[in-house]
C-alpha atoms as a PDB file:
ATOM      1  CA  UNK A   1     -13.158  17.710  57.387  1.00  0.00           C
ATOM      2  CA  UNK A   2     -13.403  13.678  57.741  1.00  0.00           C
ATOM      3  CA  UNK A   3     -16.299  13.791  55.494  1.00  0.00           C
ATOM      4  CA  UNK A   4     -14.901  15.209  52.786  1.00  0.00           C
ATOM      5  CA  UNK A   5     -11.852  13.465  52.456  1.00  0.00           C
ATOM      6  CA  UNK A   6     -13.866  10.459  52.624  1.00  0.00           C
ATOM      7  CA  UNK A   7     -15.590  11.723  49.523  1.00  0.00           C
ATOM      8  CA  UNK A   8     -12.428  12.387  47.595  1.00  0.00           C
ATOM      9  CA  UNK A   9     -11.061   8.859  48.569  1.00  0.00           C
ATOM     10  CA  UNK A  10     -14.417   7.192  47.033  1.00  0.00           C
ATOM     11  CA  UNK A  11     -13.980   9.909  43.983  1.00  0.00           C
ATOM     12  CA  UNK A  12     -10.418   8.313  43.266  1.00  0.00           C
ATOM     13  CA  UNK A  13     -11.395   4.648  44.025  1.00  0.00           C
ATOM     14  CA  UNK A  14     -14.166   4.843  41.472  1.00  0.00           C
ATOM     15  CA  UNK A  15     -11.817   6.774  38.809  1.00  0.00           C
ATOM     16  CA  UNK A  16      -9.446   4.031  39.273  1.00  0.00           C
ATOM     17  CA  UNK A  17     -12.099   1.394  39.027  1.00  0.00           C
ATOM     18  CA  UNK A  18     -13.601   3.011  35.818  1.00  0.00           C
ATOM     19  CA  UNK A  19     -10.477   3.284  34.494  1.00  0.00           C
ATOM     20  CA  UNK A  20      -9.642  -0.116  34.627  1.00  0.00           C
ATOM     21  CA  UNK A  21     -12.901  -1.380  33.489  1.00  0.00           C
ATOM     22  CA  UNK A  22     -12.570   0.556  30.470  1.00  0.00           C
ATOM     23  CA  UNK A  23      -8.915  -0.790  29.811  1.00  0.00           C
ATOM     24  CA  UNK A  24     -10.350  -4.570  30.443  1.00  0.00           C
ATOM     25  CA  UNK A  25     -13.388  -3.878  28.059  1.00  0.00           C
ATOM     26  CA  UNK A  26     -10.798  -2.551  25.580  1.00  0.00           C
ATOM     27  CA  UNK A  27      -8.362  -5.077  25.645  1.00  0.00           C
ATOM     28  CA  UNK A  28      -7.895  -6.427  21.971  1.00  0.00           C
ATOM     29  CA  UNK A  29     -10.238  -9.504  21.269  1.00  0.00           C
ATOM     30  CA  UNK A  30      -7.728 -11.532  19.678  1.00  0.00           C
ATOM     31  CA  UNK A  31      -8.062 -15.293  20.720  1.00  0.00           C
ATOM     32  CA  UNK A  32      -5.092 -16.496  22.784  1.00  0.00           C
ATOM     33  CA  UNK A  33      -2.326 -18.058  20.327  1.00  0.00           C
ATOM     34  CA  UNK A  34      -3.533 -15.367  17.544  1.00  0.00           C
ATOM     35  CA  UNK A  35      -0.917 -13.480  15.866  1.00  0.00           C
ATOM     36  CA  UNK A  36      -1.820 -10.640  13.564  1.00  0.00           C
ATOM     37  CA  UNK A  37      -4.359  -8.359  13.594  1.00  0.00           C
ATOM     38  CA  UNK A  38      -8.017  -8.729  11.650  1.00  0.00           C
ATOM     39  CA  UNK A  39      -8.157  -7.938   7.822  1.00  0.00           C
ATOM     40  CA  UNK A  40     -10.866  -6.525   6.168  1.00  0.00           C
ATOM     41  CA  UNK A  41     -10.762  -9.086   3.278  1.00  0.00           C
ATOM     42  CA  UNK A  42     -13.498 -11.950   3.755  1.00  0.00           C
ATOM     43  CA  UNK A  43     -11.505 -14.587   2.142  1.00  0.00           C
ATOM     44  CA  UNK A  44      -8.099 -15.682   0.654  1.00  0.00           C
ATOM     45  CA  UNK A  45      -7.781 -17.514  -2.378  1.00  0.00           C
ATOM     46  CA  UNK A  46      -5.334 -20.227  -2.749  1.00  0.00           C
ATOM     47  CA  UNK A  47      -2.463 -18.592  -4.546  1.00  0.00           C
ATOM     48  CA  UNK A  48      -2.224 -19.326  -8.438  1.00  0.00           C
ATOM     49  CA  UNK A  49       1.144 -20.306  -9.511  1.00  0.00           C
ATOM     50  CA  UNK A  50       2.017 -21.577 -12.950  1.00  0.00           C
ATOM     51  CA  UNK A  51       3.565 -20.830 -16.273  1.00  0.00           C
ATOM     52  CA  UNK A  52       0.764 -18.624 -17.162  1.00  0.00           C
ATOM     53  CA  UNK A  53      -0.559 -16.941 -13.989  1.00  0.00           C
ATOM     54  CA  UNK A  54       0.615 -15.782 -10.830  1.00  0.00           C
ATOM     55  CA  UNK A  55      -1.288 -14.282  -7.702  1.00  0.00           C
ATOM     56  CA  UNK A  56      -0.220 -11.438  -6.054  1.00  0.00           C
ATOM     57  CA  UNK A  57      -1.691  -9.133  -3.246  1.00  0.00           C
ATOM     58  CA  UNK A  58      -2.205  -5.256  -3.267  1.00  0.00           C
ATOM     59  CA  UNK A  59      -3.307  -3.093  -0.050  1.00  0.00           C
ATOM     60  CA  UNK A  60      -6.077  -1.671  -1.909  1.00  0.00           C
ATOM     61  CA  UNK A  61      -6.973  -4.304  -4.427  1.00  0.00           C
ATOM     62  CA  UNK A  62      -6.205  -7.763  -2.172  1.00  0.00           C
ATOM     63  CA  UNK A  63      -5.469 -10.595  -4.699  1.00  0.00           C
ATOM     64  CA  UNK A  64      -5.168 -10.111  -7.935  1.00  0.00           C
ATOM     65  CA  UNK A  65      -3.986 -12.495 -10.969  1.00  0.00           C
ATOM     66  CA  UNK A  66      -1.028 -11.284 -13.124  1.00  0.00           C
ATOM     67  CA  UNK A  67       1.071 -12.753 -16.011  1.00  0.00           C
ATOM     68  CA  UNK A  68       4.788 -14.475 -15.252  1.00  0.00           C
ATOM     69  CA  UNK A  69       6.400 -11.301 -15.277  1.00  0.00           C
ATOM     70  CA  UNK A  70       4.084  -9.585 -12.721  1.00  0.00           C
ATOM     71  CA  UNK A  71       2.252  -7.418 -14.827  1.00  0.00           C
ATOM     72  CA  UNK A  72      -1.558  -7.023 -13.332  1.00  0.00           C
ATOM     73  CA  UNK A  73      -4.407  -8.722 -15.422  1.00  0.00           C
ATOM     74  CA  UNK A  74      -7.732  -7.511 -15.911  1.00  0.00           C
ATOM     75  CA  UNK A  75     -11.519  -8.716 -16.857  1.00  0.00           C
ATOM     76  CA  UNK A  76     -13.585  -6.631 -18.767  1.00  0.00           C
ATOM     77  CA  UNK A  77     -17.560  -6.287 -17.721  1.00  0.00           C
ATOM     78  CA  UNK A  78     -18.538  -6.900 -21.564  1.00  0.00           C
ATOM     79  CA  UNK A  79     -17.101  -9.839 -22.024  1.00  0.00           C
ATOM     80  CA  UNK A  80     -18.996 -13.173 -21.849  1.00  0.00           C
ATOM     81  CA  UNK A  81     -17.422 -16.465 -21.097  1.00  0.00           C
ATOM     82  CA  UNK A  82     -15.174 -17.565 -23.903  1.00  0.00           C
ATOM     83  CA  UNK A  83     -15.859 -14.174 -25.858  1.00  0.00           C
ATOM     84  CA  UNK A  84     -13.764 -10.981 -25.906  1.00  0.00           C
ATOM     85  CA  UNK A  85     -15.598  -7.735 -27.061  1.00  0.00           C
ATOM     86  CA  UNK A  86     -12.906  -5.477 -26.347  1.00  0.00           C
ATOM     87  CA  UNK A  87     -12.098  -4.335 -30.183  1.00  0.00           C
ATOM     88  CA  UNK A  88     -10.413  -1.191 -31.537  1.00  0.00           C
ATOM     89  CA  UNK A  89      -9.511   1.776 -29.202  1.00  0.00           C
ATOM     90  CA  UNK A  90     -10.788  -0.559 -26.081  1.00  0.00           C
ATOM     91  CA  UNK A  91      -8.233  -2.709 -27.304  1.00  0.00           C
ATOM     92  CA  UNK A  92      -5.348  -0.325 -27.764  1.00  0.00           C
ATOM     93  CA  UNK A  93      -5.521   0.650 -24.115  1.00  0.00           C
ATOM     94  CA  UNK A  94      -6.345  -2.659 -22.884  1.00  0.00           C
ATOM     95  CA  UNK A  95      -4.345  -5.351 -24.853  1.00  0.00           C
ATOM     96  CA  UNK A  96      -5.244  -8.778 -24.634  1.00  0.00           C
ATOM     97  CA  UNK A  97      -3.268 -11.199 -22.609  1.00  0.00           C
ATOM     98  CA  UNK A  98      -2.029 -13.622 -25.669  1.00  0.00           C
ATOM     99  CA  UNK A  99       0.616 -16.461 -26.000  1.00  0.00           C
ATOM    100  CA  UNK A 100       3.323 -14.987 -27.178  1.00  0.00           C
ATOM    101  CA  UNK A 101       5.989 -16.427 -29.854  1.00  0.00           C
ATOM    102  CA  UNK A 102       5.737 -19.941 -28.444  1.00  0.00           C
ATOM    103  CA  UNK A 103       3.371 -22.378 -29.111  1.00  0.00           C
ATOM    104  CA  UNK A 104       0.294 -22.842 -26.844  1.00  0.00           C
ATOM    105  CA  UNK A 105       0.718 -25.535 -24.211  1.00  0.00           C
ATOM    106  CA  UNK A 106      -1.072 -28.782 -25.241  1.00  0.00           C
ATOM    107  CA  UNK A 107      -2.052 -28.873 -21.693  1.00  0.00           C
ATOM    108  CA  UNK A 108      -3.031 -25.272 -19.802  1.00  0.00           C
ATOM    109  CA  UNK A 109      -3.123 -25.244 -16.074  1.00  0.00           C
ATOM    110  CA  UNK A 110      -6.357 -25.038 -14.418  1.00  0.00           C
ATOM    111  CA  UNK A 111      -9.151 -22.569 -15.061  1.00  0.00           C
ATOM    112  CA  UNK A 112      -6.811 -21.249 -18.211  1.00  0.00           C
ATOM    113  CA  UNK A 113      -7.933 -21.393 -21.924  1.00  0.00           C
ATOM    114  CA  UNK A 114      -7.182 -19.964 -24.726  1.00  0.00           C
ATOM    115  CA  UNK A 115      -9.991 -18.348 -27.143  1.00  0.00           C
ATOM    116  CA  UNK A 116      -9.312 -17.318 -30.574  1.00  0.00           C
ATOM    117  CA  UNK A 117     -10.885 -13.775 -30.628  1.00  0.00           C
ATOM    118  CA  UNK A 118     -13.138 -12.130 -33.118  1.00  0.00           C
ATOM    119  CA  UNK A 119      -9.810 -10.957 -35.221  1.00  0.00           C
ATOM    120  CA  UNK A 120      -8.043 -14.292 -35.319  1.00  0.00           C
ATOM    121  CA  UNK A 121      -5.685 -13.738 -32.800  1.00  0.00           C
ATOM    122  CA  UNK A 122      -5.582 -15.972 -29.562  1.00  0.00           C
ATOM    123  CA  UNK A 123      -5.946 -14.747 -26.160  1.00  0.00           C
ATOM    124  CA  UNK A 124      -5.631 -16.359 -22.632  1.00  0.00           C
ATOM    125  CA  UNK A 125      -8.807 -16.595 -20.538  1.00  0.00           C
ATOM    126  CA  UNK A 126      -9.278 -17.450 -16.487  1.00  0.00           C
ATOM    127  CA  UNK A 127     -12.492 -19.027 -15.535  1.00  0.00           C
ATOM    128  CA  UNK A 128     -13.945 -18.649 -19.042  1.00  0.00           C
ATOM    129  CA  UNK A 129     -13.151 -14.872 -19.279  1.00  0.00           C
ATOM    130  CA  UNK A 130     -10.767 -13.265 -21.290  1.00  0.00           C
ATOM    131  CA  UNK A 131      -7.424 -11.471 -20.058  1.00  0.00           C
ATOM    132  CA  UNK A 132      -6.552  -7.712 -20.574  1.00  0.00           C
ATOM    133  CA  UNK A 133      -3.085  -5.988 -19.734  1.00  0.00           C
ATOM    134  CA  UNK A 134      -3.772  -2.145 -18.629  1.00  0.00           C
ATOM    135  CA  UNK A 135      -1.669   0.122 -20.598  1.00  0.00           C
ATOM    136  CA  UNK A 136      -0.921   2.564 -17.872  1.00  0.00           C
ATOM    137  CA  UNK A 137       0.133  -0.103 -15.613  1.00  0.00           C
ATOM    138  CA  UNK A 138       3.879  -0.774 -14.919  1.00  0.00           C
ATOM    139  CA  UNK A 139       4.717  -4.132 -12.956  1.00  0.00           C
ATOM    140  CA  UNK A 140       3.237  -4.150  -9.508  1.00  0.00           C
ATOM    141  CA  UNK A 141       0.573  -1.764 -10.499  1.00  0.00           C
ATOM    142  CA  UNK A 142      -3.121  -2.256 -10.465  1.00  0.00           C
ATOM    143  CA  UNK A 143      -4.322   1.211 -11.233  1.00  0.00           C
ATOM    144  CA  UNK A 144      -6.725  -0.199 -14.055  1.00  0.00           C
ATOM    145  CA  UNK A 145      -9.073  -2.117 -11.503  1.00  0.00           C
ATOM    146  CA  UNK A 146     -12.597  -0.157 -11.896  1.00  0.00           C
ATOM    147  CA  UNK A 147     -11.775   1.686 -14.686  1.00  0.00           C
ATOM    148  CA  UNK A 148     -13.515   1.848 -18.161  1.00  0.00           C
ATOM    149  CA  UNK A 149     -15.700  -1.515 -16.973  1.00  0.00           C
ATOM    150  CA  UNK A 150     -12.514  -3.227 -16.136  1.00  0.00           C
ATOM    151  CA  UNK A 151     -11.874  -5.179 -13.097  1.00  0.00           C
ATOM    152  CA  UNK A 152      -8.253  -7.014 -11.778  1.00  0.00           C
ATOM    153  CA  UNK A 153      -9.008 -10.707 -12.207  1.00  0.00           C
ATOM    154  CA  UNK A 154      -8.981 -12.558  -8.997  1.00  0.00           C
ATOM    155  CA  UNK A 155      -7.963 -15.903  -7.928  1.00  0.00           C
ATOM    156  CA  UNK A 156     -11.097 -18.311  -8.193  1.00  0.00           C
ATOM    157  CA  UNK A 157     -11.921 -18.682  -4.253  1.00  0.00           C
ATOM    158  CA  UNK A 158     -11.405 -15.125  -3.614  1.00  0.00           C
ATOM    159  CA  UNK A 159     -14.462 -13.635  -1.916  1.00  0.00           C
ATOM    160  CA  UNK A 160     -17.404 -12.424  -3.643  1.00  0.00           C
ATOM    161  CA  UNK A 161     -16.485  -8.795  -3.980  1.00  0.00           C
ATOM    162  CA  UNK A 162     -12.952 -10.269  -5.726  1.00  0.00           C
ATOM    163  CA  UNK A 163     -14.126 -12.969  -7.865  1.00  0.00           C
ATOM    164  CA  UNK A 164     -13.834 -12.707 -11.806  1.00  0.00           C
ATOM    165  CA  UNK A 165     -16.663 -11.004 -12.630  1.00  0.00           C
ATOM    166  CA  UNK A 166     -18.516 -10.113 -16.258  1.00  0.00           C
ATOM    167  CA  UNK A 167     -20.904  -7.815 -14.308  1.00  0.00           C
ATOM    168  CA  UNK A 168     -20.595  -3.947 -13.377  1.00  0.00           C
ATOM    169  CA  UNK A 169     -22.796  -1.664 -12.278  1.00  0.00           C
ATOM    170  CA  UNK A 170     -22.063   0.874 -14.781  1.00  0.00           C
ATOM    171  CA  UNK A 171     -24.887   1.723 -17.069  1.00  0.00           C
ATOM    172  CA  UNK A 172     -24.524   1.259 -21.311  1.00  0.00           C
ATOM    173  CA  UNK A 173     -26.345   2.335 -24.267  1.00  0.00           C
ATOM    174  CA  UNK A 174     -28.295   0.220 -26.538  1.00  0.00           C
ATOM    175  CA  UNK A 175     -25.481  -0.288 -28.638  1.00  0.00           C
ATOM    176  CA  UNK A 176     -23.446  -2.433 -25.323  1.00  0.00           C
ATOM    177  CA  UNK A 177     -20.773   0.428 -25.361  1.00  0.00           C
ATOM    178  CA  UNK A 178     -20.116   1.113 -21.573  1.00  0.00           C
ATOM    179  CA  UNK A 179     -21.917   4.396 -20.427  1.00  0.00           C
ATOM    180  CA  UNK A 180     -18.741   5.847 -19.268  1.00  0.00           C
ATOM    181  CA  UNK A 181     -18.051   8.376 -21.956  1.00  0.00           C
ATOM    182  CA  UNK A 182     -15.745   6.085 -23.611  1.00  0.00           C
ATOM    183  CA  UNK A 183     -17.052   4.549 -27.064  1.00  0.00           C
ATOM    184  CA  UNK A 184     -15.459   1.151 -27.810  1.00  0.00           C
END
């Protein structure tokens, strides 16, 4: 009987040690003095906050640019620096972000410029890329990210997956139209 009590005691001690060891090994790895959890976003860009652009953050998209009223702005993969290639039905769904009812400021914020589109209208750019709205968005929504070769416009120093881009993995045909079933 003494031998069985000794075995039970050893098993209980081993279970306690295993449980304690598990707790020590799986304790939070936050450095002392740290508050808050880890983030899946690699780099946070400095906020853009000027008369033309604002920065907002969405749980899914991360940081993105808006107009001063808070409506999300997008870039188009088929555009090149300083050139808008969104015309016709594309422009009907993705209206250009343009100066409205006021003269263009003579001094624009850093990374912001105004181009003249092929239709003669003005359009804001950020780091050279023309900016657009998505007609399906309301203030605070970013539903156009990844739709029809458009991406949410991102502040300059955001992670590489979140920088303004004019590339997209979508295919296109020889006419330059996106290969997503839409004929722009």
